[in-house]
């Protein structure tokens, strides 16, 4: 799925790329807390939050909100050992997610203002 997402991105087919990225992240989600795979919680959360920005740009606010909530949940449930070992990247991920959430709120505000002006 990741290869398909990269292919579509290379072909400048953003919607297909975003959908395959989302499918890949959904596939990885149940694997986050297993001992058999090494899915990085911080990377997963940042990828999900970053992908939500594409959906905000398409005015798919409900999907974007769900994606940001998933990212926040994964970050909040990150193992304490990872938090201590990767303090800087963990804190940066929280800050990046905060910024993405603020951008989301501003986009909703702009969209509601535009719809009121019509």
N, C-alpha and C. Protein backbone atom coordinates (compact mmCIF):
# COMPACT_ATOMS: atom_id res chain seq x y z
N UNK A 1 0.82 -1.19 0.00
CA UNK A 1 0.00 0.00 0.00
C UNK A 1 0.86 1.25 0.00
N UNK A 2 1.97 1.20 0.74
CA UNK A 2 2.85 2.36 0.78
C UNK A 2 3.44 2.64 -0.60
N UNK A 3 3.77 1.58 -1.33
CA UNK A 3 4.31 1.75 -2.67
C UNK A 3 3.28 2.37 -3.60
N UNK A 4 2.03 1.95 -3.45
CA UNK A 4 0.97 2.53 -4.28
C UNK A 4 0.81 4.01 -3.97
N UNK A 5 0.88 4.37 -2.70
CA UNK A 5 0.78 5.78 -2.31
C UNK A 5 1.92 6.59 -2.92
N UNK A 6 3.12 6.04 -2.88
CA UNK A 6 4.27 6.73 -3.47
C UNK A 6 4.13 6.84 -4.99
N UNK A 7 3.65 5.78 -5.61
CA UNK A 7 3.44 5.80 -7.06
C UNK A 7 2.47 6.91 -7.44
N UNK A 8 1.33 6.96 -6.77
CA UNK A 8 0.33 7.97 -7.10
C UNK A 8 0.84 9.38 -6.81
N UNK A 9 1.66 9.51 -5.78
CA UNK A 9 2.24 10.82 -5.49
C UNK A 9 3.18 11.23 -6.62
N UNK A 10 3.99 10.29 -7.09
CA UNK A 10 4.90 10.57 -8.19
C UNK A 10 4.13 10.94 -9.45
N UNK A 11 2.99 10.31 -9.66
CA UNK A 11 2.16 10.58 -10.83
C UNK A 11 1.29 11.82 -10.63
N UNK A 12 1.48 12.51 -9.51
CA UNK A 12 0.73 13.72 -9.16
C UNK A 12 -0.78 13.46 -9.10
N UNK A 13 -1.11 12.32 -8.53
CA UNK A 13 -2.51 11.95 -8.31
C UNK A 13 -2.73 11.98 -6.80
N UNK A 14 -2.90 13.19 -6.28
CA UNK A 14 -2.90 13.42 -4.84
C UNK A 14 -4.00 12.67 -4.10
N UNK A 15 -5.19 12.64 -4.67
CA UNK A 15 -6.30 12.00 -3.96
C UNK A 15 -6.06 10.50 -3.79
N UNK A 16 -5.61 9.85 -4.85
CA UNK A 16 -5.32 8.42 -4.76
C UNK A 16 -4.18 8.16 -3.79
N UNK A 17 -3.17 9.02 -3.85
CA UNK A 17 -2.03 8.88 -2.93
C UNK A 17 -2.49 9.00 -1.48
N UNK A 18 -3.30 10.01 -1.20
CA UNK A 18 -3.80 10.21 0.16
C UNK A 18 -4.63 9.02 0.63
N UNK A 19 -5.46 8.49 -0.25
CA UNK A 19 -6.28 7.34 0.13
C UNK A 19 -5.44 6.11 0.43
N UNK A 20 -4.39 5.90 -0.35
CA UNK A 20 -3.51 4.76 -0.08
C UNK A 20 -2.68 4.98 1.19
N UNK A 21 -2.28 6.21 1.44
CA UNK A 21 -1.58 6.51 2.71
C UNK A 21 -2.49 6.19 3.89
N UNK A 22 -3.74 6.60 3.77
CA UNK A 22 -4.70 6.34 4.85
C UNK A 22 -4.91 4.84 5.04
N UNK A 23 -5.04 4.10 3.95
CA UNK A 23 -5.19 2.65 4.05
C UNK A 23 -3.99 2.02 4.74
N UNK A 24 -2.81 2.50 4.40
CA UNK A 24 -1.59 1.97 5.00
C UNK A 24 -1.54 2.24 6.50
N UNK A 25 -1.90 3.47 6.88
CA UNK A 25 -1.91 3.81 8.31
C UNK A 25 -2.97 3.02 9.06
N UNK A 26 -4.11 2.81 8.44
CA UNK A 26 -5.16 2.00 9.08
C UNK A 26 -4.69 0.56 9.26
N UNK A 27 -3.96 0.05 8.28
CA UNK A 27 -3.42 -1.30 8.37
C UNK A 27 -2.40 -1.40 9.52
N UNK A 28 -1.59 -0.36 9.68
CA UNK A 28 -0.55 -0.37 10.71
C UNK A 28 -1.10 -0.18 12.12
N UNK A 29 -2.25 0.46 12.25
CA UNK A 29 -2.76 0.81 13.58
C UNK A 29 -2.84 -0.38 14.53
N UNK A 30 -3.44 -1.51 14.14
CA UNK A 30 -3.51 -2.64 15.09
C UNK A 30 -2.13 -3.23 15.41
N UNK A 31 -1.14 -2.91 14.60
CA UNK A 31 0.20 -3.45 14.81
C UNK A 31 1.05 -2.60 15.75
N UNK A 32 0.52 -1.45 16.16
CA UNK A 32 1.31 -0.53 16.99
C UNK A 32 1.74 -1.15 18.31
N UNK A 33 0.88 -1.92 18.91
CA UNK A 33 1.17 -2.45 20.24
C UNK A 33 1.44 -3.95 20.24
N UNK A 34 2.04 -4.42 19.18
CA UNK A 34 2.40 -5.84 19.14
C UNK A 34 3.91 -5.97 19.24
N UNK A 35 4.35 -7.11 19.70
CA UNK A 35 5.78 -7.36 19.85
C UNK A 35 6.40 -7.84 18.54
N UNK A 36 5.57 -8.19 17.57
CA UNK A 36 6.08 -8.78 16.33
C UNK A 36 6.47 -7.74 15.30
N UNK A 37 6.01 -6.52 15.45
CA UNK A 37 6.34 -5.49 14.47
C UNK A 37 6.93 -4.28 15.17
N UNK A 38 7.61 -3.49 14.42
CA UNK A 38 8.24 -2.29 14.95
C UNK A 38 7.67 -1.04 14.28
N UNK A 39 6.38 -0.82 14.46
CA UNK A 39 5.77 0.40 13.94
C UNK A 39 6.04 1.50 14.96
N UNK A 40 6.69 2.55 14.52
CA UNK A 40 7.06 3.66 15.39
C UNK A 40 5.83 4.51 15.71
N UNK A 41 5.49 4.59 16.99
CA UNK A 41 4.30 5.34 17.42
C UNK A 41 4.38 6.81 17.02
N UNK A 42 5.54 7.41 17.23
CA UNK A 42 5.69 8.84 16.95
C UNK A 42 5.56 9.10 15.45
N UNK A 43 6.24 8.30 14.64
CA UNK A 43 6.14 8.46 13.19
C UNK A 43 4.71 8.23 12.71
N UNK A 44 4.07 7.20 13.24
CA UNK A 44 2.71 6.90 12.83
C UNK A 44 1.80 8.08 13.13
N UNK A 45 1.90 8.63 14.34
CA UNK A 45 1.05 9.75 14.73
C UNK A 45 1.31 10.97 13.86
N UNK A 46 2.57 11.26 13.60
CA UNK A 46 2.89 12.41 12.75
C UNK A 46 2.41 12.20 11.32
N UNK A 47 2.55 10.99 10.81
CA UNK A 47 2.06 10.71 9.46
C UNK A 47 0.55 10.87 9.37
N UNK A 48 -0.16 10.40 10.38
CA UNK A 48 -1.62 10.52 10.39
C UNK A 48 -2.03 11.99 10.50
N UNK A 49 -1.37 12.73 11.38
CA UNK A 49 -1.70 14.14 11.55
C UNK A 49 -1.39 14.94 10.29
N UNK A 50 -0.26 14.64 9.68
CA UNK A 50 0.12 15.34 8.45
C UNK A 50 -0.86 15.02 7.33
N UNK A 51 -1.26 13.79 7.22
CA UNK A 51 -2.23 13.40 6.20
C UNK A 51 -3.58 14.10 6.41
N UNK A 52 -3.91 14.36 7.66
CA UNK A 52 -5.18 15.04 7.93
C UNK A 52 -5.24 16.41 7.26
N UNK A 53 -4.07 17.03 7.08
CA UNK A 53 -4.04 18.35 6.45
C UNK A 53 -4.53 18.29 5.00
N UNK A 54 -4.25 17.20 4.32
CA UNK A 54 -4.76 17.05 2.96
C UNK A 54 -6.29 17.06 2.98
N UNK A 55 -6.87 16.34 3.93
CA UNK A 55 -8.32 16.25 4.01
C UNK A 55 -8.95 17.57 4.45
N UNK A 56 -8.25 18.34 5.27
CA UNK A 56 -8.73 19.68 5.62
C UNK A 56 -8.79 20.54 4.35
N UNK A 57 -7.75 20.43 3.54
CA UNK A 57 -7.71 21.19 2.29
C UNK A 57 -8.83 20.84 1.34
N UNK A 58 -9.38 19.65 1.46
CA UNK A 58 -10.51 19.21 0.64
C UNK A 58 -11.85 19.42 1.35
N UNK A 59 -11.81 20.10 2.49
CA UNK A 59 -13.00 20.36 3.32
C UNK A 59 -13.66 19.10 3.85
N UNK A 60 -12.87 18.06 4.03
CA UNK A 60 -13.35 16.82 4.66
C UNK A 60 -12.99 16.90 6.15
N UNK A 61 -13.67 17.82 6.84
CA UNK A 61 -13.30 18.14 8.21
C UNK A 61 -13.53 16.98 9.17
N UNK A 62 -14.59 16.22 8.96
CA UNK A 62 -14.88 15.11 9.86
C UNK A 62 -13.78 14.05 9.79
N UNK A 63 -13.35 13.73 8.58
CA UNK A 63 -12.27 12.75 8.42
C UNK A 63 -10.98 13.27 9.04
N UNK A 64 -10.68 14.54 8.79
CA UNK A 64 -9.46 15.13 9.33
C UNK A 64 -9.48 15.13 10.85
N UNK A 65 -10.63 15.44 11.43
CA UNK A 65 -10.77 15.45 12.89
C UNK A 65 -10.51 14.06 13.46
N UNK A 66 -11.08 13.05 12.82
CA UNK A 66 -10.89 11.67 13.27
C UNK A 66 -9.41 11.29 13.18
N UNK A 67 -8.75 11.72 12.12
CA UNK A 67 -7.34 11.39 11.95
C UNK A 67 -6.48 12.06 13.02
N UNK A 68 -6.78 13.33 13.33
CA UNK A 68 -6.02 14.02 14.37
C UNK A 68 -6.28 13.39 15.73
N UNK A 69 -7.51 12.99 15.99
CA UNK A 69 -7.83 12.33 17.26
C UNK A 69 -7.08 11.01 17.38
N UNK A 70 -6.98 10.28 16.27
CA UNK A 70 -6.22 9.02 16.28
C UNK A 70 -4.75 9.28 16.56
N UNK A 71 -4.21 10.31 15.93
CA UNK A 71 -2.81 10.66 16.15
C UNK A 71 -2.58 11.04 17.62
N UNK A 72 -3.48 11.83 18.17
CA UNK A 72 -3.35 12.25 19.58
C UNK A 72 -3.44 11.04 20.50
N UNK A 73 -4.35 10.13 20.23
CA UNK A 73 -4.51 8.93 21.05
C UNK A 73 -3.24 8.10 21.03
N UNK A 74 -2.67 7.89 19.86
CA UNK A 74 -1.44 7.09 19.75
C UNK A 74 -0.30 7.78 20.48
N UNK A 75 -0.17 9.09 20.33
CA UNK A 75 0.90 9.79 21.06
C UNK A 75 0.70 9.68 22.56
N UNK A 76 -0.53 9.85 23.02
CA UNK A 76 -0.79 9.79 24.46
C UNK A 76 -0.58 8.40 25.04
N UNK A 77 -0.71 7.37 24.21
CA UNK A 77 -0.54 6.00 24.69
C UNK A 77 0.86 5.45 24.40
N UNK A 78 1.76 6.32 23.98
CA UNK A 78 3.13 5.88 23.71
C UNK A 78 3.77 5.38 25.00
N UNK A 79 4.47 4.29 24.89
CA UNK A 79 5.12 3.65 26.03
C UNK A 79 6.08 4.63 26.72
N UNK A 80 6.13 4.56 28.03
CA UNK A 80 6.99 5.45 28.82
C UNK A 80 8.47 5.32 28.45
N UNK A 81 8.91 4.12 28.12
CA UNK A 81 10.31 3.92 27.73
C UNK A 81 10.63 4.69 26.45
N UNK A 82 9.69 4.68 25.52
CA UNK A 82 9.90 5.43 24.28
C UNK A 82 9.91 6.92 24.57
N UNK A 83 9.00 7.37 25.42
CA UNK A 83 8.94 8.79 25.78
C UNK A 83 10.25 9.26 26.39
N UNK A 84 10.84 8.44 27.27
CA UNK A 84 12.08 8.82 27.93
C UNK A 84 13.27 8.74 26.98
N UNK A 85 13.26 7.73 26.12
CA UNK A 85 14.38 7.53 25.20
C UNK A 85 14.37 8.57 24.08
N UNK A 86 13.20 8.96 23.65
CA UNK A 86 13.07 9.88 22.52
C UNK A 86 12.31 11.14 22.94
N UNK A 87 12.75 11.74 24.03
CA UNK A 87 12.05 12.89 24.60
C UNK A 87 11.88 14.03 23.60
N UNK A 88 12.96 14.38 22.90
CA UNK A 88 12.88 15.51 21.97
C UNK A 88 11.90 15.25 20.83
N UNK A 89 11.99 14.07 20.22
CA UNK A 89 11.08 13.79 19.10
C UNK A 89 9.64 13.65 19.59
N UNK A 90 9.46 13.11 20.79
CA UNK A 90 8.11 12.99 21.36
C UNK A 90 7.51 14.38 21.61
N UNK A 91 8.29 15.27 22.22
CA UNK A 91 7.80 16.63 22.48
C UNK A 91 7.55 17.40 21.19
N UNK A 92 8.44 17.21 20.20
CA UNK A 92 8.25 17.87 18.91
C UNK A 92 6.98 17.36 18.23
N UNK A 93 6.74 16.06 18.33
CA UNK A 93 5.53 15.49 17.74
C UNK A 93 4.27 16.10 18.36
N UNK A 94 4.29 16.26 19.68
CA UNK A 94 3.14 16.90 20.35
C UNK A 94 2.97 18.33 19.87
N UNK A 95 4.06 19.06 19.75
CA UNK A 95 3.98 20.44 19.29
C UNK A 95 3.49 20.51 17.84
N UNK A 96 3.99 19.62 17.00
CA UNK A 96 3.54 19.58 15.60
C UNK A 96 2.05 19.27 15.51
N UNK A 97 1.60 18.34 16.31
CA UNK A 97 0.18 18.00 16.32
C UNK A 97 -0.66 19.18 16.81
N UNK A 98 -0.16 19.90 17.81
CA UNK A 98 -0.86 21.10 18.28
C UNK A 98 -1.02 22.11 17.15
N UNK A 99 0.05 22.32 16.39
CA UNK A 99 0.02 23.27 15.27
C UNK A 99 -0.99 22.82 14.22
N UNK A 100 -0.98 21.54 13.90
CA UNK A 100 -1.91 21.01 12.90
C UNK A 100 -3.35 21.18 13.37
N UNK A 101 -3.60 20.98 14.66
CA UNK A 101 -4.95 21.14 15.20
C UNK A 101 -5.40 22.60 15.14
N UNK A 102 -4.48 23.53 15.39
CA UNK A 102 -4.83 24.95 15.29
C UNK A 102 -5.15 25.31 13.84
N UNK A 103 -4.35 24.80 12.90
CA UNK A 103 -4.64 25.05 11.48
C UNK A 103 -6.01 24.49 11.10
N UNK A 104 -6.34 23.34 11.65
CA UNK A 104 -7.65 22.73 11.41
C UNK A 104 -8.76 23.67 11.89
N UNK A 105 -8.62 24.17 13.10
CA UNK A 105 -9.64 25.08 13.66
C UNK A 105 -9.76 26.35 12.83
N UNK A 106 -8.63 26.89 12.40
CA UNK A 106 -8.67 28.09 11.56
C UNK A 106 -9.35 27.82 10.22
N UNK A 107 -9.11 26.64 9.67
CA UNK A 107 -9.76 26.28 8.40
C UNK A 107 -11.26 26.17 8.56
N UNK A 108 -11.70 25.59 9.67
CA UNK A 108 -13.14 25.50 9.93
C UNK A 108 -13.73 26.90 10.09
N UNK A 109 -13.03 27.75 10.80
CA UNK A 109 -13.48 29.12 10.97
C UNK A 109 -13.61 29.82 9.62
N UNK A 110 -12.57 29.70 8.78
CA UNK A 110 -12.61 30.33 7.46
C UNK A 110 -13.76 29.79 6.61
N UNK A 111 -13.93 28.48 6.64
CA UNK A 111 -15.00 27.85 5.85
C UNK A 111 -16.38 28.32 6.33
N UNK A 112 -16.56 28.41 7.63
CA UNK A 112 -17.87 28.85 8.14
C UNK A 112 -18.11 30.33 7.81
N UNK A 113 -17.06 31.12 7.86
CA UNK A 113 -17.19 32.54 7.51
C UNK A 113 -17.55 32.69 6.03
N UNK A 114 -16.90 31.90 5.19
CA UNK A 114 -17.20 31.96 3.76
C UNK A 114 -18.63 31.52 3.47
N UNK A 115 -19.10 30.50 4.16
CA UNK A 115 -20.47 30.04 3.92
C UNK A 115 -21.50 31.05 4.42
N UNK A 116 -21.14 31.82 5.44
CA UNK A 116 -22.06 32.86 5.94
C UNK A 116 -22.10 34.04 4.98
N UNK A 117 -21.00 34.29 4.28
CA UNK A 117 -20.94 35.42 3.34
C UNK A 117 -21.71 35.16 2.06
N UNK A 118 -22.06 33.90 1.80
CA UNK A 118 -22.77 33.57 0.55
C UNK A 118 -24.21 33.97 0.60
